[in-house]
mmCIF file of all heavy atoms, coordinates in Angstrom:
data_MODEL
# 
_entry.id   MODEL 
# 
loop_
_atom_site.group_PDB 
_atom_site.id 
_atom_site.type_symbol 
_atom_site.label_atom_id 
_atom_site.label_alt_id 
_atom_site.label_comp_id 
_atom_site.label_asym_id 
_atom_site.label_entity_id 
_atom_site.label_seq_id 
_atom_site.pdbx_PDB_ins_code 
_atom_site.Cartn_x 
_atom_site.Cartn_y 
_atom_site.Cartn_z 
_atom_site.occupancy 
_atom_site.B_iso_or_equiv 
_atom_site.pdbx_formal_charge 
_atom_site.auth_seq_id 
_atom_site.auth_comp_id 
_atom_site.auth_asym_id 
_atom_site.auth_atom_id 
_atom_site.pdbx_PDB_model_num 
ATOM 1   N N   . THR A 1 1  ? -1.111  -6.081  -0.710 1.00 0.00 ? 1  THR A N   1 
ATOM 2   C CA  . THR A 1 1  ? -0.906  -4.639  -0.618 1.00 0.00 ? 1  THR A CA  1 
ATOM 3   C C   . THR A 1 1  ? -2.181  -3.896  -1.024 1.00 0.00 ? 1  THR A C   1 
ATOM 4   O O   . THR A 1 1  ? -2.501  -2.824  -0.490 1.00 0.00 ? 1  THR A O   1 
ATOM 5   C CB  . THR A 1 1  ? 0.249   -4.198  -1.534 1.00 0.00 ? 1  THR A CB  1 
ATOM 6   O OG1 . THR A 1 1  ? 0.079   -4.791  -2.851 1.00 0.00 ? 1  THR A OG1 1 
ATOM 7   C CG2 . THR A 1 1  ? 1.575   -4.608  -0.945 1.00 0.00 ? 1  THR A CG2 1 
ATOM 8   N N   . ASN A 1 2  ? -2.951  -4.457  -1.931 1.00 0.00 ? 2  ASN A N   1 
ATOM 9   C CA  . ASN A 1 2  ? -4.214  -3.820  -2.330 1.00 0.00 ? 2  ASN A CA  1 
ATOM 10  C C   . ASN A 1 2  ? -5.194  -3.818  -1.159 1.00 0.00 ? 2  ASN A C   1 
ATOM 11  O O   . ASN A 1 2  ? -5.935  -2.855  -0.926 1.00 0.00 ? 2  ASN A O   1 
ATOM 12  C CB  . ASN A 1 2  ? -4.824  -4.586  -3.491 1.00 0.00 ? 2  ASN A CB  1 
ATOM 13  C CG  . ASN A 1 2  ? -4.191  -4.183  -4.836 1.00 0.00 ? 2  ASN A CG  1 
ATOM 14  O OD1 . ASN A 1 2  ? -3.950  -3.040  -5.082 1.00 0.00 ? 2  ASN A OD1 1 
ATOM 15  N ND2 . ASN A 1 2  ? -3.915  -5.189  -5.666 1.00 0.00 ? 2  ASN A ND2 1 
ATOM 16  N N   . ASP A 1 3  ? -5.239  -4.944  -0.390 1.00 0.00 ? 3  ASP A N   1 
ATOM 17  C CA  . ASP A 1 3  ? -6.098  -5.003  0.776  1.00 0.00 ? 3  ASP A CA  1 
ATOM 18  C C   . ASP A 1 3  ? -5.675  -3.930  1.811  1.00 0.00 ? 3  ASP A C   1 
ATOM 19  O O   . ASP A 1 3  ? -6.552  -3.262  2.396  1.00 0.00 ? 3  ASP A O   1 
ATOM 20  C CB  . ASP A 1 3  ? -5.978  -6.389  1.473  1.00 0.00 ? 3  ASP A CB  1 
ATOM 21  C CG  . ASP A 1 3  ? -6.551  -7.511  0.657  1.00 0.00 ? 3  ASP A CG  1 
ATOM 22  O OD1 . ASP A 1 3  ? -7.448  -7.241  -0.204 1.00 0.00 ? 3  ASP A OD1 1 
ATOM 23  O OD2 . ASP A 1 3  ? -6.083  -8.647  0.819  1.00 0.00 ? 3  ASP A OD2 1 
ATOM 24  N N   . ILE A 1 4  ? -4.380  -3.829  1.990  1.00 0.00 ? 4  ILE A N   1 
ATOM 25  C CA  . ILE A 1 4  ? -3.890  -2.827  2.989  1.00 0.00 ? 4  ILE A CA  1 
ATOM 26  C C   . ILE A 1 4  ? -4.243  -1.427  2.558  1.00 0.00 ? 4  ILE A C   1 
ATOM 27  O O   . ILE A 1 4  ? -4.736  -0.627  3.343  1.00 0.00 ? 4  ILE A O   1 
ATOM 28  C CB  . ILE A 1 4  ? -2.366  -2.989  3.163  1.00 0.00 ? 4  ILE A CB  1 
ATOM 29  C CG1 . ILE A 1 4  ? -2.007  -4.317  3.782  1.00 0.00 ? 4  ILE A CG1 1 
ATOM 30  C CG2 . ILE A 1 4  ? -1.809  -1.865  4.013  1.00 0.00 ? 4  ILE A CG2 1 
ATOM 31  C CD1 . ILE A 1 4  ? -0.541  -4.688  3.738  1.00 0.00 ? 4  ILE A CD1 1 
ATOM 32  N N   . ALA A 1 5  ? -3.989  -1.122  1.278  1.00 0.00 ? 5  ALA A N   1 
ATOM 33  C CA  . ALA A 1 5  ? -4.293  0.238   0.786  1.00 0.00 ? 5  ALA A CA  1 
ATOM 34  C C   . ALA A 1 5  ? -5.805  0.546   0.877  1.00 0.00 ? 5  ALA A C   1 
ATOM 35  O O   . ALA A 1 5  ? -6.156  1.645   1.316  1.00 0.00 ? 5  ALA A O   1 
ATOM 36  C CB  . ALA A 1 5  ? -3.806  0.339   -0.681 1.00 0.00 ? 5  ALA A CB  1 
ATOM 37  N N   . ARG A 1 6  ? -6.599  -0.436  0.503  1.00 0.00 ? 6  ARG A N   1 
ATOM 38  C CA  . ARG A 1 6  ? -8.044  -0.209  0.547  1.00 0.00 ? 6  ARG A CA  1 
ATOM 39  C C   . ARG A 1 6  ? -8.554  0.000   1.981  1.00 0.00 ? 6  ARG A C   1 
ATOM 40  O O   . ARG A 1 6  ? -9.324  0.902   2.248  1.00 0.00 ? 6  ARG A O   1 
ATOM 41  C CB  . ARG A 1 6  ? -8.777  -1.435  -0.071 1.00 0.00 ? 6  ARG A CB  1 
ATOM 42  C CG  . ARG A 1 6  ? -10.292 -1.268  -0.112 1.00 0.00 ? 6  ARG A CG  1 
ATOM 43  C CD  . ARG A 1 6  ? -10.935 -2.372  -0.951 1.00 0.00 ? 6  ARG A CD  1 
ATOM 44  N NE  . ARG A 1 6  ? -10.570 -3.683  -0.457 1.00 0.00 ? 6  ARG A NE  1 
ATOM 45  C CZ  . ARG A 1 6  ? -9.724  -4.514  -1.125 1.00 0.00 ? 6  ARG A CZ  1 
ATOM 46  N NH1 . ARG A 1 6  ? -9.165  -4.121  -2.259 1.00 0.00 ? 6  ARG A NH1 1 
ATOM 47  N NH2 . ARG A 1 6  ? -9.467  -5.695  -0.645 1.00 0.00 ? 6  ARG A NH2 1 
ATOM 48  N N   . THR A 1 7  ? -8.058  -0.824  2.924  1.00 0.00 ? 7  THR A N   1 
ATOM 49  C CA  . THR A 1 7  ? -8.472  -0.690  4.301  1.00 0.00 ? 7  THR A CA  1 
ATOM 50  C C   . THR A 1 7  ? -7.985  0.596   4.937  1.00 0.00 ? 7  THR A C   1 
ATOM 51  O O   . THR A 1 7  ? -8.682  1.215   5.733  1.00 0.00 ? 7  THR A O   1 
ATOM 52  C CB  . THR A 1 7  ? -7.928  -1.900  5.124  1.00 0.00 ? 7  THR A CB  1 
ATOM 53  O OG1 . THR A 1 7  ? -8.357  -3.108  4.481  1.00 0.00 ? 7  THR A OG1 1 
ATOM 54  C CG2 . THR A 1 7  ? -8.464  -1.861  6.567  1.00 0.00 ? 7  THR A CG2 1 
ATOM 55  N N   . ALA A 1 8  ? -6.783  1.000   4.546  1.00 0.00 ? 8  ALA A N   1 
ATOM 56  C CA  . ALA A 1 8  ? -6.237  2.275   5.084  1.00 0.00 ? 8  ALA A CA  1 
ATOM 57  C C   . ALA A 1 8  ? -6.813  3.503   4.403  1.00 0.00 ? 8  ALA A C   1 
ATOM 58  O O   . ALA A 1 8  ? -6.622  4.615   4.891  1.00 0.00 ? 8  ALA A O   1 
ATOM 59  C CB  . ALA A 1 8  ? -4.708  2.256   4.917  1.00 0.00 ? 8  ALA A CB  1 
ATOM 60  N N   . GLY A 1 9  ? -7.444  3.280   3.237  1.00 0.00 ? 9  GLY A N   1 
ATOM 61  C CA  . GLY A 1 9  ? -8.017  4.407   2.526  1.00 0.00 ? 9  GLY A CA  1 
ATOM 62  C C   . GLY A 1 9  ? -6.974  5.250   1.810  1.00 0.00 ? 9  GLY A C   1 
ATOM 63  O O   . GLY A 1 9  ? -7.139  6.468   1.645  1.00 0.00 ? 9  GLY A O   1 
ATOM 64  N N   . VAL A 1 10 ? -5.888  4.599   1.351  1.00 0.00 ? 10 VAL A N   1 
ATOM 65  C CA  . VAL A 1 10 ? -4.847  5.299   0.619  1.00 0.00 ? 10 VAL A CA  1 
ATOM 66  C C   . VAL A 1 10 ? -4.732  4.686   -0.751 1.00 0.00 ? 10 VAL A C   1 
ATOM 67  O O   . VAL A 1 10 ? -5.043  3.522   -0.974 1.00 0.00 ? 10 VAL A O   1 
ATOM 68  C CB  . VAL A 1 10 ? -3.502  5.260   1.342  1.00 0.00 ? 10 VAL A CB  1 
ATOM 69  C CG1 . VAL A 1 10 ? -3.615  5.869   2.729  1.00 0.00 ? 10 VAL A CG1 1 
ATOM 70  C CG2 . VAL A 1 10 ? -2.973  3.829   1.426  1.00 0.00 ? 10 VAL A CG2 1 
ATOM 71  N N   . ASN A 1 11 ? -4.236  5.469   -1.695 1.00 0.00 ? 11 ASN A N   1 
ATOM 72  C CA  . ASN A 1 11 ? -4.025  5.006   -3.059 1.00 0.00 ? 11 ASN A CA  1 
ATOM 73  C C   . ASN A 1 11 ? -2.877  3.962   -3.047 1.00 0.00 ? 11 ASN A C   1 
ATOM 74  O O   . ASN A 1 11 ? -1.906  4.138   -2.355 1.00 0.00 ? 11 ASN A O   1 
ATOM 75  C CB  . ASN A 1 11 ? -3.694  6.187   -3.970 1.00 0.00 ? 11 ASN A CB  1 
ATOM 76  C CG  . ASN A 1 11 ? -3.713  5.796   -5.434 1.00 0.00 ? 11 ASN A CG  1 
ATOM 77  O OD1 . ASN A 1 11 ? -2.782  5.121   -5.897 1.00 0.00 ? 11 ASN A OD1 1 
ATOM 78  N ND2 . ASN A 1 11 ? -4.721  6.246   -6.151 1.00 0.00 ? 11 ASN A ND2 1 
ATOM 79  N N   . ILE A 1 12 ? -3.038  2.897   -3.837 1.00 0.00 ? 12 ILE A N   1 
ATOM 80  C CA  . ILE A 1 12 ? -1.986  1.869   -3.908 1.00 0.00 ? 12 ILE A CA  1 
ATOM 81  C C   . ILE A 1 12 ? -0.652  2.467   -4.391 1.00 0.00 ? 12 ILE A C   1 
ATOM 82  O O   . ILE A 1 12 ? 0.421   2.062   -3.948 1.00 0.00 ? 12 ILE A O   1 
ATOM 83  C CB  . ILE A 1 12 ? -2.413  0.738   -4.822 1.00 0.00 ? 12 ILE A CB  1 
ATOM 84  C CG1 . ILE A 1 12 ? -1.420  -0.441  -4.737 1.00 0.00 ? 12 ILE A CG1 1 
ATOM 85  C CG2 . ILE A 1 12 ? -2.580  1.187   -6.239 1.00 0.00 ? 12 ILE A CG2 1 
ATOM 86  C CD1 . ILE A 1 12 ? -1.348  -1.084  -3.400 1.00 0.00 ? 12 ILE A CD1 1 
ATOM 87  N N   . ALA A 1 13 ? -0.716  3.478   -5.235 1.00 0.00 ? 13 ALA A N   1 
ATOM 88  C CA  . ALA A 1 13 ? 0.524   4.125   -5.702 1.00 0.00 ? 13 ALA A CA  1 
ATOM 89  C C   . ALA A 1 13 ? 1.221   4.831   -4.558 1.00 0.00 ? 13 ALA A C   1 
ATOM 90  O O   . ALA A 1 13 ? 2.467   4.870   -4.495 1.00 0.00 ? 13 ALA A O   1 
ATOM 91  C CB  . ALA A 1 13 ? 0.235   5.117   -6.829 1.00 0.00 ? 13 ALA A CB  1 
ATOM 92  N N   . THR A 1 14 ? 0.419   5.392   -3.636 1.00 0.00 ? 14 THR A N   1 
ATOM 93  C CA  . THR A 1 14 ? 1.002   6.033   -2.474 1.00 0.00 ? 14 THR A CA  1 
ATOM 94  C C   . THR A 1 14 ? 1.683   5.042   -1.581 1.00 0.00 ? 14 THR A C   1 
ATOM 95  O O   . THR A 1 14 ? 2.809   5.238   -1.062 1.00 0.00 ? 14 THR A O   1 
ATOM 96  C CB  . THR A 1 14 ? -0.091  6.746   -1.655 1.00 0.00 ? 14 THR A CB  1 
ATOM 97  O OG1 . THR A 1 14 ? -0.713  7.773   -2.460 1.00 0.00 ? 14 THR A OG1 1 
ATOM 98  C CG2 . THR A 1 14 ? 0.485   7.413   -0.424 1.00 0.00 ? 14 THR A CG2 1 
ATOM 99  N N   . LEU A 1 15 ? 1.052   3.877   -1.390 1.00 0.00 ? 15 LEU A N   1 
ATOM 100 C CA  . LEU A 1 15 ? 1.693   2.804   -0.581 1.00 0.00 ? 15 LEU A CA  1 
ATOM 101 C C   . LEU A 1 15 ? 3.021   2.395   -1.172 1.00 0.00 ? 15 LEU A C   1 
ATOM 102 O O   . LEU A 1 15 ? 4.039   2.254   -0.464 1.00 0.00 ? 15 LEU A O   1 
ATOM 103 C CB  . LEU A 1 15 ? 0.755   1.607   -0.495 1.00 0.00 ? 15 LEU A CB  1 
ATOM 104 C CG  . LEU A 1 15 ? 1.174   0.448   0.391  1.00 0.00 ? 15 LEU A CG  1 
ATOM 105 C CD1 . LEU A 1 15 ? -0.049  -0.253  0.990  1.00 0.00 ? 15 LEU A CD1 1 
ATOM 106 C CD2 . LEU A 1 15 ? 1.982   -0.580  -0.399 1.00 0.00 ? 15 LEU A CD2 1 
ATOM 107 N N   . TYR A 1 16 ? 3.051   2.227   -2.545 1.00 0.00 ? 16 TYR A N   1 
ATOM 108 C CA  . TYR A 1 16 ? 4.277   1.759   -3.169 1.00 0.00 ? 16 TYR A CA  1 
ATOM 109 C C   . TYR A 1 16 ? 5.368   2.814   -3.198 1.00 0.00 ? 16 TYR A C   1 
ATOM 110 O O   . TYR A 1 16 ? 6.556   2.520   -3.424 1.00 0.00 ? 16 TYR A O   1 
ATOM 111 C CB  . TYR A 1 16 ? 3.996   1.305   -4.616 1.00 0.00 ? 16 TYR A CB  1 
ATOM 112 C CG  . TYR A 1 16 ? 3.408   -0.096  -4.679 1.00 0.00 ? 16 TYR A CG  1 
ATOM 113 C CD1 . TYR A 1 16 ? 2.299   -0.333  -5.457 1.00 0.00 ? 16 TYR A CD1 1 
ATOM 114 C CD2 . TYR A 1 16 ? 3.989   -1.137  -3.992 1.00 0.00 ? 16 TYR A CD2 1 
ATOM 115 C CE1 . TYR A 1 16 ? 1.750   -1.604  -5.547 1.00 0.00 ? 16 TYR A CE1 1 
ATOM 116 C CE2 . TYR A 1 16 ? 3.449   -2.404  -4.033 1.00 0.00 ? 16 TYR A CE2 1 
ATOM 117 C CZ  . TYR A 1 16 ? 2.330   -2.642  -4.827 1.00 0.00 ? 16 TYR A CZ  1 
ATOM 118 O OH  . TYR A 1 16 ? 1.812   -3.906  -4.869 1.00 0.00 ? 16 TYR A OH  1 
ATOM 119 N N   . GLN A 1 17 ? 5.047   4.063   -2.881 1.00 0.00 ? 17 GLN A N   1 
ATOM 120 C CA  . GLN A 1 17 ? 6.093   5.096   -2.756 1.00 0.00 ? 17 GLN A CA  1 
ATOM 121 C C   . GLN A 1 17 ? 7.009   4.760   -1.592 1.00 0.00 ? 17 GLN A C   1 
ATOM 122 O O   . GLN A 1 17 ? 8.194   5.107   -1.611 1.00 0.00 ? 17 GLN A O   1 
ATOM 123 C CB  . GLN A 1 17 ? 5.461   6.494   -2.530 1.00 0.00 ? 17 GLN A CB  1 
ATOM 124 C CG  . GLN A 1 17 ? 4.852   7.114   -3.750 1.00 0.00 ? 17 GLN A CG  1 
ATOM 125 C CD  . GLN A 1 17 ? 4.262   8.472   -3.417 1.00 0.00 ? 17 GLN A CD  1 
ATOM 126 O OE1 . GLN A 1 17 ? 4.472   8.997   -2.339 1.00 0.00 ? 17 GLN A OE1 1 
ATOM 127 N NE2 . GLN A 1 17 ? 3.514   9.061   -4.380 1.00 0.00 ? 17 GLN A NE2 1 
ATOM 128 N N   . TYR A 1 18 ? 6.416   4.116   -0.572 1.00 0.00 ? 18 TYR A N   1 
ATOM 129 C CA  . TYR A 1 18 ? 7.168   3.854   0.661  1.00 0.00 ? 18 TYR A CA  1 
ATOM 130 C C   . TYR A 1 18 ? 7.565   2.419   0.843  1.00 0.00 ? 18 TYR A C   1 
ATOM 131 O O   . TYR A 1 18 ? 8.616   2.087   1.421  1.00 0.00 ? 18 TYR A O   1 
ATOM 132 C CB  . TYR A 1 18 ? 6.361   4.359   1.867  1.00 0.00 ? 18 TYR A CB  1 
ATOM 133 C CG  . TYR A 1 18 ? 5.980   5.790   1.778  1.00 0.00 ? 18 TYR A CG  1 
ATOM 134 C CD1 . TYR A 1 18 ? 4.706   6.183   1.381  1.00 0.00 ? 18 TYR A CD1 1 
ATOM 135 C CD2 . TYR A 1 18 ? 6.914   6.780   2.050  1.00 0.00 ? 18 TYR A CD2 1 
ATOM 136 C CE1 . TYR A 1 18 ? 4.353   7.516   1.287  1.00 0.00 ? 18 TYR A CE1 1 
ATOM 137 C CE2 . TYR A 1 18 ? 6.586   8.102   1.962  1.00 0.00 ? 18 TYR A CE2 1 
ATOM 138 C CZ  . TYR A 1 18 ? 5.309   8.509   1.594  1.00 0.00 ? 18 TYR A CZ  1 
ATOM 139 O OH  . TYR A 1 18 ? 4.957   9.792   1.488  1.00 0.00 ? 18 TYR A OH  1 
ATOM 140 N N   . PHE A 1 19 ? 6.749   1.505   0.357  1.00 0.00 ? 19 PHE A N   1 
ATOM 141 C CA  . PHE A 1 19 ? 6.978   0.079   0.612  1.00 0.00 ? 19 PHE A CA  1 
ATOM 142 C C   . PHE A 1 19 ? 6.930   -0.708  -0.727 1.00 0.00 ? 19 PHE A C   1 
ATOM 143 O O   . PHE A 1 19 ? 5.920   -0.669  -1.413 1.00 0.00 ? 19 PHE A O   1 
ATOM 144 C CB  . PHE A 1 19 ? 5.905   -0.481  1.541  1.00 0.00 ? 19 PHE A CB  1 
ATOM 145 C CG  . PHE A 1 19 ? 5.818   0.239   2.862  1.00 0.00 ? 19 PHE A CG  1 
ATOM 146 C CD1 . PHE A 1 19 ? 4.808   1.150   3.114  1.00 0.00 ? 19 PHE A CD1 1 
ATOM 147 C CD2 . PHE A 1 19 ? 6.773   0.008   3.856  1.00 0.00 ? 19 PHE A CD2 1 
ATOM 148 C CE1 . PHE A 1 19 ? 4.740   1.815   4.345  1.00 0.00 ? 19 PHE A CE1 1 
ATOM 149 C CE2 . PHE A 1 19 ? 6.728   0.662   5.080  1.00 0.00 ? 19 PHE A CE2 1 
ATOM 150 C CZ  . PHE A 1 19 ? 5.702   1.583   5.303  1.00 0.00 ? 19 PHE A CZ  1 
ATOM 151 N N   . PRO A 1 20 ? 8.027   -1.395  -1.069 1.00 0.00 ? 20 PRO A N   1 
ATOM 152 C CA  . PRO A 1 20 ? 8.059   -2.156  -2.337 1.00 0.00 ? 20 PRO A CA  1 
ATOM 153 C C   . PRO A 1 20 ? 7.127   -3.355  -2.356 1.00 0.00 ? 20 PRO A C   1 
ATOM 154 O O   . PRO A 1 20 ? 6.730   -3.780  -3.421 1.00 0.00 ? 20 PRO A O   1 
ATOM 155 C CB  . PRO A 1 20 ? 9.522   -2.563  -2.472 1.00 0.00 ? 20 PRO A CB  1 
ATOM 156 C CG  . PRO A 1 20 ? 10.068  -2.557  -1.097 1.00 0.00 ? 20 PRO A CG  1 
ATOM 157 C CD  . PRO A 1 20 ? 9.332   -1.456  -0.364 1.00 0.00 ? 20 PRO A CD  1 
ATOM 158 N N   . LYS A 1 21 ? 6.786   -3.917  -1.178 1.00 0.00 ? 21 LYS A N   1 
ATOM 159 C CA  . LYS A 1 21 ? 5.907   -5.062  -1.102 1.00 0.00 ? 21 LYS A CA  1 
ATOM 160 C C   . LYS A 1 21 ? 5.436   -5.186  0.334  1.00 0.00 ? 21 LYS A C   1 
ATOM 161 O O   . LYS A 1 21 ? 5.910   -4.482  1.234  1.00 0.00 ? 21 LYS A O   1 
ATOM 162 C CB  . LYS A 1 21 ? 6.616   -6.318  -1.551 1.00 0.00 ? 21 LYS A CB  1 
ATOM 163 C CG  . LYS A 1 21 ? 7.931   -6.630  -0.787 1.00 0.00 ? 21 LYS A CG  1 
ATOM 164 C CD  . LYS A 1 21 ? 8.593   -7.864  -1.324 1.00 0.00 ? 21 LYS A CD  1 
ATOM 165 C CE  . LYS A 1 21 ? 9.875   -8.185  -0.562 1.00 0.00 ? 21 LYS A CE  1 
ATOM 166 N NZ  . LYS A 1 21 ? 10.515  -9.440  -1.083 1.00 0.00 ? 21 LYS A NZ  1 
ATOM 167 N N   . LYS A 1 22 ? 4.468   -6.081  0.552  1.00 0.00 ? 22 LYS A N   1 
ATOM 168 C CA  . LYS A 1 22 ? 3.885   -6.168  1.899  1.00 0.00 ? 22 LYS A CA  1 
ATOM 169 C C   . LYS A 1 22 ? 4.901   -6.595  2.962  1.00 0.00 ? 22 LYS A C   1 
ATOM 170 O O   . LYS A 1 22 ? 4.789   -6.174  4.126  1.00 0.00 ? 22 LYS A O   1 
ATOM 171 C CB  . LYS A 1 22 ? 2.703   -7.137  1.905  1.00 0.00 ? 22 LYS A CB  1 
ATOM 172 C CG  . LYS A 1 22 ? 3.043   -8.597  1.731  1.00 0.00 ? 22 LYS A CG  1 
ATOM 173 C CD  . LYS A 1 22 ? 1.785   -9.480  1.825  1.00 0.00 ? 22 LYS A CD  1 
ATOM 174 C CE  . LYS A 1 22 ? 2.151   -10.963 1.751  1.00 0.00 ? 22 LYS A CE  1 
ATOM 175 N NZ  . LYS A 1 22 ? 0.918   -11.793 1.746  1.00 0.00 ? 22 LYS A NZ  1 
ATOM 176 N N   . GLU A 1 23 ? 5.915   -7.421  2.588  1.00 0.00 ? 23 GLU A N   1 
ATOM 177 C CA  . GLU A 1 23 ? 6.895   -7.861  3.538  1.00 0.00 ? 23 GLU A CA  1 
ATOM 178 C C   . GLU A 1 23 ? 7.697   -6.676  4.079  1.00 0.00 ? 23 GLU A C   1 
ATOM 179 O O   . GLU A 1 23 ? 8.200   -6.677  5.189  1.00 0.00 ? 23 GLU A O   1 
ATOM 180 C CB  . GLU A 1 23 ? 7.831   -8.886  2.897  1.00 0.00 ? 23 GLU A CB  1 
ATOM 181 C CG  . GLU A 1 23 ? 7.212   -10.266 2.744  1.00 0.00 ? 23 GLU A CG  1 
ATOM 182 C CD  . GLU A 1 23 ? 6.285   -10.362 1.513  1.00 0.00 ? 23 GLU A CD  1 
ATOM 183 O OE1 . GLU A 1 23 ? 6.291   -9.401  0.716  1.00 0.00 ? 23 GLU A OE1 1 
ATOM 184 O OE2 . GLU A 1 23 ? 5.615   -11.399 1.338  1.00 0.00 ? 23 GLU A OE2 1 
ATOM 185 N N   . ALA A 1 24 ? 7.841   -5.598  3.237  1.00 0.00 ? 24 ALA A N   1 
ATOM 186 C CA  . ALA A 1 24 ? 8.547   -4.406  3.699  1.00 0.00 ? 24 ALA A CA  1 
ATOM 187 C C   . ALA A 1 24 ? 7.716   -3.722  4.796  1.00 0.00 ? 24 ALA A C   1 
ATOM 188 O O   . ALA A 1 24 ? 8.287   -3.105  5.696  1.00 0.00 ? 24 ALA A O   1 
ATOM 189 C CB  . ALA A 1 24 ? 8.778   -3.463  2.537  1.00 0.00 ? 24 ALA A CB  1 
# 
């Protein structure tokens, strides 16, 4: 999830607002 957030240029906390884990 850190890789995804970094590549997308979004904060990891923002990613976790919508997705509990990468499988989601």
